[in-house]
Amino acid sequence: MTKLSKIPLDPKDFGLYVNNLWSVFTLLDSKEDIRFLFKDLFTHTENKMFTKRLEIARALLEGETYDQISERLKVTKHTIASVSNTLARDGNGFRVAHAKLLDLEKQHQRRREKRQDYLEGKKRWPKFREQVLVEELAKAGARHVSKYIRRKKKRVNRKKEIVNLVH
């Protein structure tokens, strides 16, 4: 079980530390960077615990029963009830995370279907393949530029936040 030091922190300092933690989560640009931070920040057990709690929340939001969740994730009904209580009280973080993951899963599914359609079309329509390739290259370029612009805006906003915190 995780233990917390009994030595009190100044609430003002603690608020700054919490803000730093939130900021670092938003500053990291890649899944790999976040994975490295989590590996350093959390023990193996804590990582498993957080992972399971997120999946419990997602399963509850999808309408799975306690028995189904307990069987699939190998967790106790007490843990499921704890997450369920969080969802009942507020649970906005779980809901936002679940919605974003659903969007990501839909994107992956569309890509798989597109690839499958492309592979099937390649066998039937060799000239159509060239048109699809050009369209895909154009879309990929636009996505790359959009991603680059989003990252730049994010960095500028972070710098503004830091300047505002200092002043």
N, C-alpha and C. Protein backbone atom coordinates (compact mmCIF):
# COMPACT_ATOMS: atom_id res chain seq x y z
N MET A 1 0.83 -1.18 0.00
CA MET A 1 0.00 0.00 0.00
C MET A 1 0.88 1.24 0.00
N THR A 2 0.51 2.24 -0.74
CA THR A 2 1.25 3.48 -0.81
C THR A 2 1.15 4.23 0.51
N LYS A 3 2.28 4.78 0.97
CA LYS A 3 2.29 5.51 2.23
C LYS A 3 2.63 6.97 1.96
N LEU A 4 2.01 7.83 2.74
CA LEU A 4 2.22 9.27 2.62
C LEU A 4 2.95 9.75 3.87
N SER A 5 3.94 10.57 3.68
CA SER A 5 4.70 11.12 4.81
C SER A 5 3.76 11.91 5.72
N LYS A 6 3.99 11.80 7.03
CA LYS A 6 3.17 12.53 8.00
C LYS A 6 3.69 13.94 8.22
N ILE A 7 4.84 14.26 7.63
CA ILE A 7 5.39 15.61 7.76
C ILE A 7 4.57 16.54 6.88
N PRO A 8 3.92 17.54 7.48
CA PRO A 8 3.02 18.39 6.68
C PRO A 8 3.77 19.30 5.71
N LEU A 9 3.15 19.51 4.57
CA LEU A 9 3.65 20.44 3.56
C LEU A 9 2.86 21.73 3.66
N ASP A 10 3.50 22.82 3.32
CA ASP A 10 2.79 24.09 3.22
C ASP A 10 1.78 23.95 2.08
N PRO A 11 0.49 24.24 2.33
CA PRO A 11 -0.53 24.08 1.28
C PRO A 11 -0.21 24.86 0.00
N LYS A 12 0.42 26.02 0.14
CA LYS A 12 0.80 26.82 -1.03
C LYS A 12 1.83 26.06 -1.88
N ASP A 13 2.82 25.48 -1.20
CA ASP A 13 3.84 24.69 -1.91
C ASP A 13 3.21 23.46 -2.56
N PHE A 14 2.33 22.80 -1.80
CA PHE A 14 1.70 21.60 -2.34
C PHE A 14 0.89 21.92 -3.58
N GLY A 15 0.18 23.05 -3.56
CA GLY A 15 -0.58 23.48 -4.74
C GLY A 15 0.33 23.66 -5.95
N LEU A 16 1.51 24.23 -5.73
CA LEU A 16 2.48 24.40 -6.81
C LEU A 16 2.94 23.04 -7.34
N TYR A 17 3.19 22.10 -6.43
CA TYR A 17 3.65 20.77 -6.84
C TYR A 17 2.58 20.05 -7.66
N VAL A 18 1.33 20.16 -7.23
CA VAL A 18 0.23 19.55 -7.98
C VAL A 18 0.13 20.18 -9.36
N ASN A 19 0.24 21.50 -9.41
CA ASN A 19 0.19 22.20 -10.70
C ASN A 19 1.33 21.74 -11.61
N ASN A 20 2.52 21.55 -11.04
CA ASN A 20 3.65 21.05 -11.83
C ASN A 20 3.35 19.67 -12.40
N LEU A 21 2.74 18.81 -11.59
CA LEU A 21 2.40 17.47 -12.07
C LEU A 21 1.41 17.55 -13.23
N TRP A 22 0.38 18.35 -13.09
CA TRP A 22 -0.60 18.51 -14.17
C TRP A 22 0.06 19.09 -15.41
N SER A 23 0.91 20.07 -15.20
CA SER A 23 1.60 20.71 -16.33
C SER A 23 2.46 19.72 -17.09
N VAL A 24 3.20 18.89 -16.35
CA VAL A 24 4.09 17.95 -17.04
C VAL A 24 3.28 16.96 -17.87
N PHE A 25 2.10 16.58 -17.41
CA PHE A 25 1.25 15.68 -18.21
C PHE A 25 0.84 16.34 -19.52
N THR A 26 0.55 17.63 -19.47
CA THR A 26 0.13 18.31 -20.70
C THR A 26 1.32 18.68 -21.58
N LEU A 27 2.51 18.78 -21.00
CA LEU A 27 3.69 19.16 -21.77
C LEU A 27 4.28 18.01 -22.59
N LEU A 28 4.07 16.80 -22.13
CA LEU A 28 4.65 15.66 -22.83
C LEU A 28 3.94 15.45 -24.17
N ASP A 29 4.73 15.29 -25.23
CA ASP A 29 4.18 15.26 -26.58
C ASP A 29 3.93 13.86 -27.13
N SER A 30 4.55 12.86 -26.54
CA SER A 30 4.41 11.53 -27.15
C SER A 30 4.05 10.49 -26.09
N LYS A 31 3.48 9.40 -26.57
CA LYS A 31 3.13 8.29 -25.70
C LYS A 31 4.39 7.73 -25.04
N GLU A 32 5.49 7.73 -25.78
CA GLU A 32 6.75 7.21 -25.25
C GLU A 32 7.24 8.06 -24.07
N ASP A 33 7.16 9.40 -24.19
CA ASP A 33 7.57 10.28 -23.10
C ASP A 33 6.71 10.03 -21.86
N ILE A 34 5.43 9.87 -22.07
CA ILE A 34 4.52 9.62 -20.94
C ILE A 34 4.82 8.26 -20.31
N ARG A 35 5.11 7.27 -21.15
CA ARG A 35 5.46 5.94 -20.64
C ARG A 35 6.70 6.02 -19.76
N PHE A 36 7.73 6.75 -20.20
CA PHE A 36 8.95 6.92 -19.40
C PHE A 36 8.64 7.59 -18.07
N LEU A 37 7.83 8.64 -18.09
CA LEU A 37 7.48 9.34 -16.85
C LEU A 37 6.73 8.40 -15.91
N PHE A 38 5.74 7.69 -16.43
CA PHE A 38 4.96 6.78 -15.59
C PHE A 38 5.86 5.70 -14.99
N LYS A 39 6.80 5.20 -15.78
CA LYS A 39 7.71 4.16 -15.29
C LYS A 39 8.54 4.69 -14.13
N ASP A 40 8.96 5.96 -14.21
CA ASP A 40 9.74 6.56 -13.14
C ASP A 40 8.88 7.00 -11.96
N LEU A 41 7.69 7.43 -12.23
CA LEU A 41 6.83 8.03 -11.21
C LEU A 41 6.08 6.98 -10.38
N PHE A 42 5.62 5.92 -11.01
CA PHE A 42 4.79 4.93 -10.34
C PHE A 42 5.51 3.59 -10.22
N THR A 43 5.21 2.88 -9.13
CA THR A 43 5.71 1.52 -9.00
C THR A 43 4.93 0.63 -9.97
N HIS A 44 5.43 -0.57 -10.18
CA HIS A 44 4.74 -1.52 -11.06
C HIS A 44 3.32 -1.75 -10.56
N THR A 45 3.17 -1.89 -9.25
CA THR A 45 1.85 -2.15 -8.66
C THR A 45 0.92 -0.95 -8.85
N GLU A 46 1.43 0.26 -8.64
CA GLU A 46 0.60 1.45 -8.83
C GLU A 46 0.16 1.58 -10.29
N ASN A 47 1.06 1.29 -11.19
CA ASN A 47 0.73 1.35 -12.62
C ASN A 47 -0.40 0.37 -12.94
N LYS A 48 -0.29 -0.85 -12.43
CA LYS A 48 -1.36 -1.85 -12.64
C LYS A 48 -2.68 -1.37 -12.04
N MET A 49 -2.58 -0.80 -10.84
CA MET A 49 -3.78 -0.34 -10.14
C MET A 49 -4.49 0.75 -10.94
N PHE A 50 -3.73 1.75 -11.41
CA PHE A 50 -4.33 2.84 -12.19
C PHE A 50 -4.91 2.32 -13.50
N THR A 51 -4.19 1.42 -14.14
CA THR A 51 -4.64 0.86 -15.41
C THR A 51 -5.97 0.12 -15.22
N LYS A 52 -6.03 -0.70 -14.19
CA LYS A 52 -7.25 -1.46 -13.94
C LYS A 52 -8.42 -0.54 -13.58
N ARG A 53 -8.15 0.50 -12.81
CA ARG A 53 -9.23 1.42 -12.43
C ARG A 53 -9.82 2.12 -13.65
N LEU A 54 -8.96 2.53 -14.57
CA LEU A 54 -9.46 3.15 -15.80
C LEU A 54 -10.31 2.15 -16.58
N GLU A 55 -9.85 0.92 -16.70
CA GLU A 55 -10.61 -0.09 -17.45
C GLU A 55 -11.91 -0.45 -16.74
N ILE A 56 -11.91 -0.44 -15.41
CA ILE A 56 -13.15 -0.68 -14.67
C ILE A 56 -14.15 0.43 -14.99
N ALA A 57 -13.70 1.67 -14.96
CA ALA A 57 -14.59 2.80 -15.25
C ALA A 57 -15.14 2.68 -16.67
N ARG A 58 -14.29 2.34 -17.61
CA ARG A 58 -14.74 2.21 -19.00
C ARG A 58 -15.78 1.09 -19.12
N ALA A 59 -15.52 -0.02 -18.44
CA ALA A 59 -16.46 -1.14 -18.49
C ALA A 59 -17.81 -0.75 -17.88
N LEU A 60 -17.77 -0.04 -16.76
CA LEU A 60 -19.02 0.41 -16.14
C LEU A 60 -19.77 1.36 -17.06
N LEU A 61 -19.05 2.26 -17.70
CA LEU A 61 -19.69 3.20 -18.63
C LEU A 61 -20.27 2.48 -19.85
N GLU A 62 -19.69 1.34 -20.19
CA GLU A 62 -20.20 0.54 -21.31
C GLU A 62 -21.33 -0.40 -20.88
N GLY A 63 -21.65 -0.41 -19.57
CA GLY A 63 -22.78 -1.20 -19.09
C GLY A 63 -22.45 -2.62 -18.68
N GLU A 64 -21.18 -2.94 -18.51
CA GLU A 64 -20.82 -4.29 -18.06
C GLU A 64 -21.23 -4.47 -16.60
N THR A 65 -21.51 -5.71 -16.22
CA THR A 65 -21.89 -6.02 -14.84
C THR A 65 -20.64 -6.19 -13.98
N TYR A 66 -20.84 -6.13 -12.66
CA TYR A 66 -19.72 -6.34 -11.74
C TYR A 66 -19.08 -7.71 -11.99
N ASP A 67 -19.91 -8.73 -12.20
CA ASP A 67 -19.37 -10.08 -12.41
C ASP A 67 -18.52 -10.14 -13.67
N GLN A 68 -18.98 -9.54 -14.75
CA GLN A 68 -18.21 -9.54 -16.00
C GLN A 68 -16.88 -8.81 -15.81
N ILE A 69 -16.93 -7.67 -15.15
CA ILE A 69 -15.71 -6.88 -14.93
C ILE A 69 -14.74 -7.64 -14.04
N SER A 70 -15.27 -8.20 -12.95
CA SER A 70 -14.44 -8.94 -12.00
C SER A 70 -13.73 -10.10 -12.69
N GLU A 71 -14.46 -10.82 -13.52
CA GLU A 71 -13.90 -11.97 -14.24
C GLU A 71 -12.84 -11.53 -15.25
N ARG A 72 -13.14 -10.50 -16.02
CA ARG A 72 -12.24 -10.08 -17.10
C ARG A 72 -10.98 -9.40 -16.58
N LEU A 73 -11.13 -8.53 -15.58
CA LEU A 73 -9.98 -7.74 -15.10
C LEU A 73 -9.33 -8.30 -13.84
N LYS A 74 -9.92 -9.36 -13.29
CA LYS A 74 -9.37 -9.99 -12.08
C LYS A 74 -9.27 -8.99 -10.94
N VAL A 75 -10.39 -8.34 -10.65
CA VAL A 75 -10.47 -7.37 -9.56
C VAL A 75 -11.62 -7.75 -8.64
N THR A 76 -11.57 -7.22 -7.42
CA THR A 76 -12.65 -7.52 -6.48
C THR A 76 -13.85 -6.60 -6.73
N LYS A 77 -14.98 -7.03 -6.24
CA LYS A 77 -16.19 -6.22 -6.39
C LYS A 77 -16.08 -4.94 -5.56
N HIS A 78 -15.29 -4.99 -4.49
CA HIS A 78 -15.05 -3.78 -3.68
C HIS A 78 -14.36 -2.70 -4.53
N THR A 79 -13.36 -3.10 -5.32
CA THR A 79 -12.65 -2.15 -6.18
C THR A 79 -13.60 -1.59 -7.23
N ILE A 80 -14.43 -2.46 -7.80
CA ILE A 80 -15.40 -2.01 -8.81
C ILE A 80 -16.37 -1.02 -8.18
N ALA A 81 -16.83 -1.32 -6.96
CA ALA A 81 -17.77 -0.43 -6.26
C ALA A 81 -17.12 0.93 -5.99
N SER A 82 -15.84 0.92 -5.65
CA SER A 82 -15.13 2.17 -5.39
C SER A 82 -15.10 3.05 -6.65
N VAL A 83 -14.79 2.44 -7.79
CA VAL A 83 -14.77 3.19 -9.05
C VAL A 83 -16.19 3.62 -9.42
N SER A 84 -17.16 2.75 -9.18
CA SER A 84 -18.55 3.08 -9.47
C SER A 84 -19.01 4.28 -8.64
N ASN A 85 -18.59 4.33 -7.38
CA ASN A 85 -18.92 5.48 -6.52
C ASN A 85 -18.30 6.76 -7.06
N THR A 86 -17.08 6.67 -7.55
CA THR A 86 -16.43 7.84 -8.15
C THR A 86 -17.23 8.32 -9.35
N LEU A 87 -17.67 7.38 -10.18
CA LEU A 87 -18.48 7.74 -11.35
C LEU A 87 -19.81 8.36 -10.93
N ALA A 88 -20.39 7.84 -9.86
CA ALA A 88 -21.68 8.35 -9.39
C ALA A 88 -21.54 9.76 -8.80
N ARG A 89 -20.44 10.00 -8.09
CA ARG A 89 -20.21 11.33 -7.49
C ARG A 89 -19.89 12.37 -8.54
N ASP A 90 -18.98 12.04 -9.43
CA ASP A 90 -18.54 13.02 -10.43
C ASP A 90 -18.01 12.24 -11.63
N GLY A 91 -16.79 11.77 -11.55
CA GLY A 91 -16.23 10.91 -12.58
C GLY A 91 -15.99 11.57 -13.92
N ASN A 92 -15.92 12.91 -13.96
CA ASN A 92 -15.72 13.58 -15.24
C ASN A 92 -14.41 13.18 -15.91
N GLY A 93 -13.37 12.98 -15.11
CA GLY A 93 -12.09 12.56 -15.68
C GLY A 93 -12.21 11.22 -16.38
N PHE A 94 -12.88 10.27 -15.73
CA PHE A 94 -13.10 8.96 -16.35
C PHE A 94 -13.93 9.10 -17.63
N ARG A 95 -14.96 9.92 -17.57
CA ARG A 95 -15.84 10.07 -18.73
C ARG A 95 -15.11 10.70 -19.92
N VAL A 96 -14.32 11.73 -19.65
CA VAL A 96 -13.56 12.38 -20.73
C VAL A 96 -12.55 11.39 -21.32
N ALA A 97 -11.83 10.68 -20.45
CA ALA A 97 -10.84 9.71 -20.92
C ALA A 97 -11.52 8.63 -21.76
N HIS A 98 -12.66 8.14 -21.30
CA HIS A 98 -13.39 7.10 -22.04
C HIS A 98 -13.83 7.61 -23.41
N ALA A 99 -14.36 8.82 -23.46
CA ALA A 99 -14.81 9.39 -24.74
C ALA A 99 -13.63 9.54 -25.71
N LYS A 100 -12.50 10.01 -25.21
CA LYS A 100 -11.32 10.18 -26.07
C LYS A 100 -10.81 8.83 -26.57
N LEU A 101 -10.82 7.84 -25.70
CA LEU A 101 -10.38 6.50 -26.12
C LEU A 101 -11.34 5.89 -27.13
N LEU A 102 -12.65 6.14 -26.96
CA LEU A 102 -13.62 5.65 -27.95
C LEU A 102 -13.36 6.29 -29.31
N ASP A 103 -13.08 7.60 -29.32
CA ASP A 103 -12.76 8.28 -30.58
C ASP A 103 -11.52 7.68 -31.22
N LEU A 104 -10.51 7.42 -30.40
CA LEU A 104 -9.27 6.83 -30.91
C LEU A 104 -9.53 5.44 -31.49
N GLU A 105 -10.33 4.65 -30.79
CA GLU A 105 -10.66 3.30 -31.28
C GLU A 105 -11.42 3.37 -32.60
N LYS A 106 -12.32 4.34 -32.74
CA LYS A 106 -13.06 4.51 -33.99
C LYS A 106 -12.12 4.89 -35.13
N GLN A 107 -11.16 5.77 -34.84
CA GLN A 107 -10.18 6.16 -35.86
C GLN A 107 -9.38 4.94 -36.32
N HIS A 108 -8.94 4.13 -35.37
CA HIS A 108 -8.17 2.93 -35.72
C HIS A 108 -9.01 1.97 -36.56
N GLN A 109 -10.28 1.83 -36.18
CA GLN A 109 -11.17 0.94 -36.93
C GLN A 109 -11.36 1.45 -38.36
N ARG A 110 -11.56 2.76 -38.51
CA ARG A 110 -11.71 3.33 -39.86
C ARG A 110 -10.45 3.10 -40.69
N ARG A 111 -9.28 3.26 -40.06
CA ARG A 111 -8.03 3.02 -40.79
C ARG A 111 -7.91 1.56 -41.23
N ARG A 112 -8.28 0.65 -40.32
CA ARG A 112 -8.23 -0.78 -40.68
C ARG A 112 -9.18 -1.07 -41.84
N GLU A 113 -10.39 -0.51 -41.77
CA GLU A 113 -11.37 -0.73 -42.84
C GLU A 113 -10.88 -0.13 -44.16
N LYS A 114 -10.30 1.07 -44.09
CA LYS A 114 -9.77 1.71 -45.29
C LYS A 114 -8.66 0.88 -45.90
N ARG A 115 -7.79 0.39 -45.04
CA ARG A 115 -6.68 -0.44 -45.53
C ARG A 115 -7.22 -1.71 -46.18
N GLN A 116 -8.20 -2.31 -45.53
CA GLN A 116 -8.79 -3.52 -46.10
C GLN A 116 -9.44 -3.22 -47.44
N ASP A 117 -10.19 -2.12 -47.51
CA ASP A 117 -10.81 -1.72 -48.78
C ASP A 117 -9.74 -1.47 -49.84
N TYR A 118 -8.67 -0.82 -49.42
CA TYR A 118 -7.58 -0.53 -50.36
C TYR A 118 -6.96 -1.83 -50.88
N LEU A 119 -6.70 -2.76 -49.95
CA LEU A 119 -6.09 -4.02 -50.36
C LEU A 119 -7.01 -4.81 -51.29
N GLU A 120 -8.30 -4.78 -50.99
CA GLU A 120 -9.25 -5.48 -51.86
C GLU A 120 -9.36 -4.76 -53.20
N GLY A 121 -9.36 -3.42 -53.18
CA GLY A 121 -9.44 -2.64 -54.41
C GLY A 121 -8.19 -2.81 -55.26
N LYS A 122 -7.07 -2.98 -54.63
CA LYS A 122 -5.79 -3.15 -55.33
C LYS A 122 -5.83 -4.38 -56.22
N LYS A 123 -6.48 -5.40 -55.74
CA LYS A 123 -6.58 -6.63 -56.52
C LYS A 123 -7.51 -6.44 -57.72
N ARG A 124 -8.56 -5.64 -57.53
CA ARG A 124 -9.56 -5.48 -58.59
C ARG A 124 -9.28 -4.31 -59.52
N TRP A 125 -8.78 -3.20 -58.96
CA TRP A 125 -8.62 -1.98 -59.77
C TRP A 125 -7.21 -1.41 -59.63
N PRO A 126 -6.26 -1.88 -60.39
CA PRO A 126 -4.88 -1.41 -60.25
C PRO A 126 -4.73 0.09 -60.51
N LYS A 127 -5.48 0.70 -61.44
CA LYS A 127 -5.33 2.13 -61.73
C LYS A 127 -5.95 2.97 -60.61
N PHE A 128 -7.00 2.46 -60.01
CA PHE A 128 -7.65 3.15 -58.89
C PHE A 128 -6.66 3.30 -57.73
N ARG A 129 -5.77 2.35 -57.60
CA ARG A 129 -4.76 2.34 -56.54
C ARG A 129 -3.93 3.62 -56.56
N GLU A 130 -3.55 4.10 -57.73
CA GLU A 130 -2.73 5.31 -57.83
C GLU A 130 -3.50 6.53 -57.32
N GLN A 131 -4.77 6.61 -57.66
CA GLN A 131 -5.59 7.73 -57.20
C GLN A 131 -5.70 7.71 -55.68
N VAL A 132 -5.94 6.54 -55.11
CA VAL A 132 -6.05 6.41 -53.66
C VAL A 132 -4.74 6.81 -53.00
N LEU A 133 -3.63 6.40 -53.59
CA LEU A 133 -2.32 6.73 -53.03
C LEU A 133 -2.12 8.25 -52.98
N VAL A 134 -2.45 8.94 -54.05
CA VAL A 134 -2.30 10.40 -54.08
C VAL A 134 -3.18 11.05 -53.02
N GLU A 135 -4.43 10.58 -52.90
CA GLU A 135 -5.33 11.13 -51.89
C GLU A 135 -4.79 10.90 -50.47
N GLU A 136 -4.29 9.70 -50.22
CA GLU A 136 -3.76 9.38 -48.90
C GLU A 136 -2.53 10.22 -48.57
N LEU A 137 -1.67 10.44 -49.55
CA LEU A 137 -0.48 11.28 -49.33
C LEU A 137 -0.88 12.71 -48.99
N ALA A 138 -1.88 13.24 -49.68
CA ALA A 138 -2.35 14.60 -49.41
C ALA A 138 -2.92 14.70 -47.99
N LYS A 139 -3.71 13.70 -47.60
CA LYS A 139 -4.30 13.72 -46.25
C LYS A 139 -3.21 13.61 -45.19
N ALA A 140 -2.24 12.72 -45.42
CA ALA A 140 -1.16 12.53 -44.45
C ALA A 140 -0.36 13.82 -44.28
N GLY A 141 -0.11 14.52 -45.37
CA GLY A 141 0.62 15.79 -45.29
C GLY A 141 -0.15 16.82 -44.51
N ALA A 142 -1.45 16.91 -44.74
CA ALA A 142 -2.29 17.87 -44.01
C ALA A 142 -2.33 17.53 -42.53
N ARG A 143 -2.42 16.24 -42.20
CA ARG A 143 -2.42 15.84 -40.79
C ARG A 143 -1.10 16.20 -40.13
N HIS A 144 0.00 15.99 -40.84
CA HIS A 144 1.32 16.30 -40.29
C HIS A 144 1.45 17.79 -40.00
N VAL A 145 1.02 18.61 -40.93
CA VAL A 145 1.09 20.07 -40.75
C VAL A 145 0.20 20.49 -39.58
N SER A 146 -1.01 19.95 -39.51
CA SER A 146 -1.93 20.29 -38.42
C SER A 146 -1.34 19.90 -37.06
N LYS A 147 -0.74 18.72 -37.00
CA LYS A 147 -0.12 18.26 -35.76
C LYS A 147 1.02 19.18 -35.36
N TYR A 148 1.83 19.59 -36.32
CA TYR A 148 2.95 20.50 -36.07
C TYR A 148 2.44 21.83 -35.51
N ILE A 149 1.40 22.37 -36.11
CA ILE A 149 0.83 23.65 -35.67
C ILE A 149 0.26 23.51 -34.25
N ARG A 150 -0.45 22.41 -33.97
CA ARG A 150 -1.00 22.19 -32.64
C ARG A 150 0.10 22.15 -31.59
N ARG A 151 1.20 21.46 -31.90
CA ARG A 151 2.31 21.38 -30.95
C ARG A 151 2.93 22.75 -30.69
N LYS A 152 3.10 23.54 -31.75
CA LYS A 152 3.67 24.88 -31.59
C LYS A 152 2.76 25.74 -30.72
N LYS A 153 1.44 25.69 -30.97
CA LYS A 153 0.49 26.46 -30.18
C LYS A 153 0.54 26.03 -28.72
N LYS A 154 0.64 24.72 -28.49
CA LYS A 154 0.69 24.17 -27.16
C LYS A 154 1.92 24.70 -26.41
N ARG A 155 3.06 24.71 -27.10
CA ARG A 155 4.29 25.21 -26.47
C ARG A 155 4.18 26.69 -26.13
N VAL A 156 3.61 27.47 -27.04
CA VAL A 156 3.44 28.91 -26.79
C VAL A 156 2.52 29.11 -25.58
N ASN A 157 1.43 28.36 -25.52
CA ASN A 157 0.49 28.48 -24.40
C ASN A 157 1.15 28.08 -23.08
N ARG A 158 2.01 27.04 -23.11
CA ARG A 158 2.71 26.62 -21.91
C ARG A 158 3.65 27.71 -21.42
N LYS A 159 4.35 28.34 -22.37
CA LYS A 159 5.26 29.42 -21.99
C LYS A 159 4.48 30.57 -21.36
N LYS A 160 3.31 30.88 -21.92
CA LYS A 160 2.47 31.94 -21.36
C LYS A 160 2.03 31.58 -19.94
N GLU A 161 1.67 30.30 -19.72
CA GLU A 161 1.26 29.85 -18.39
C GLU A 161 2.39 30.01 -17.39
N ILE A 162 3.58 29.64 -17.81
CA ILE A 162 4.74 29.73 -16.91
C ILE A 162 5.01 31.19 -16.57
N VAL A 163 4.95 32.06 -17.58
CA VAL A 163 5.16 33.49 -17.33
C VAL A 163 4.10 34.02 -16.37
N ASN A 164 2.85 33.59 -16.57
CA ASN A 164 1.76 34.04 -15.68
C ASN A 164 1.95 33.53 -14.26
N LEU A 165 2.47 32.30 -14.11
CA LEU A 165 2.70 31.75 -12.77
C LEU A 165 3.81 32.50 -12.05
N VAL A 166 4.83 32.89 -12.80
CA VAL A 166 5.96 33.59 -12.21
C VAL A 166 5.55 34.99 -11.76
N HIS A 167 4.68 35.63 -12.53
CA HIS A 167 4.27 37.01 -12.21
C HIS A 167 3.13 36.97 -11.30
